[in-house]
Structures are given as structure tokens and as C-alpha cells.
Amino acid sequence: MPKAVEPLQSRSRRRVLAATVLFSAFPWLVVRDVLADDLSPTPSQPEGPFYPRALPEDRDADLLIVAGRNGRAEGTPLYLEGTVRSVAGTPLSGARVEIWQCDAHGRYHYVNDGGSAPPDENFQGYGETLTDTEGGYKFRTIRPVAYTGRAPHIHLKATHTGERPLTTQIYAAGDPLDADAGFVRFYGRESRDRLSVVLTPATDVEPGALRARFDIVLVTER
């Protein structure tokens, strides 16, 4: 007697059921497929010794002007912007982003950095902001300058509820690596390259200014 042929619709339901049982027993198979499309987390780097010992009263996102002073910071204005996202690509609204860096004379503010040059009192030195609904952030600062033992860089911290805090450093693409040779050997050239930003003219905003984009990807706490 000929064997009955199972209807196509019944076979489809049976395959779906089998797949559901398989993924229920081995959920890591599904997770592995999802994570394959995850964004790569932003590399971390050390905080260093120059994070402010006490945060200044004026710590907004514009580091070129200090409240209560009439002057403006020396150096080339730099408009730094980007987004903060999770590894899944979700924009993180309300993330706190902090930056700090030395002034045009190579001096850090709010710490005893041991420098001999007079500090630029019109440079804020530290700033912070919260990301908008799209995960975006913006700062106005100066193009980082080199000082003894280090190539130009900007320190950055990003924090958000449910995400692992990130501390890292931003570099300008094309700057010489000589002053950071040991640093690059320890942390890796690939990490340095991923933390480097391309500086482009921002003359549409301000004469002589530069623009850079640095997107941040935070690791979600499990």
C-alpha cells in the first residue's frame, strides 16, 4: 500500500516545533547568531594621573570659556562630537561623557602636574555633558597638544546605567607616534588606530576651527 505523503503545512509546523525545542535546549546557539552582528566595544585606556582631584564649578561642554573670565582659551578650537551606543547598536540617551586634557601650554588643570609653564587660566581643562535622545554628544575644546612623554590626546570617560563604564583616550590621526612609542607597544597599534580621529576643517562654524567625530560603544553589563 503506498505510503501517505505528509501535507506541506504539517511538515512546516513540525520543523518550527523542532527548531523551538532545539533553541530552548541550547539558547547559546541563538545568542551566538545575534552577537555576530554586535558592534565592537571602544578600546579602553588608563585614566592617568591628571583626572581632576575636585571637579571645577564650571564644567560644561565648552572648554574654551571659563565662567567669570573675559578671555578665551589659547589653541586651535576643536568641535568634538559623536554618539554613545550599546554593543547592540542601541543609542544610549542620558549617558554621561567627560573629557579632560592639557591646555595649549601642556598644563593640566585641577591637579599638581609638575609643569613649569604658566597654565592658561582661560581654558576650562575639564568638561562633561549628557547624551541626547539619539545618544549624541558635543564638546568645544582645543586640538590636543603634546607634552613631555606623550603625544597629543584627550582623555574621555563614558558612563550609563546598565553599561560597563569606559575610560579611554582620543588621538589625532596622522600625529607622530614617537612620543608614545612605549605606550603604543603596550596597548597595541590596533587599539591606537581605533582611538584616532580624523580632523577636518570646521570653518563653517568658526574660522580656523577643526572638527572630529568619535563614536563610543559601551559593553552591556550581564
Foldseek 3Di string as FASTA:
>chain_A
DDDDDDDPVVVVVVVVVVVVVVCVVPVVVVVVVLLVQFADAQDFDDPDDQDAPDQDPDAAQEQQADPPDDHGADAAKEKEKEFEAARSRQGAFFKKKKKFAAGPVRHAPNDPPVDDDDGGPGGNRMHMDTAHPRRMDIHIHHFFCDDQLDHGKMWMWIDDPQFDIGTHIAAAPPTDCVSVVVVCVVRHPVSNVLRHWYWDDPVVVPPRHIYTYRYGYTYGDD
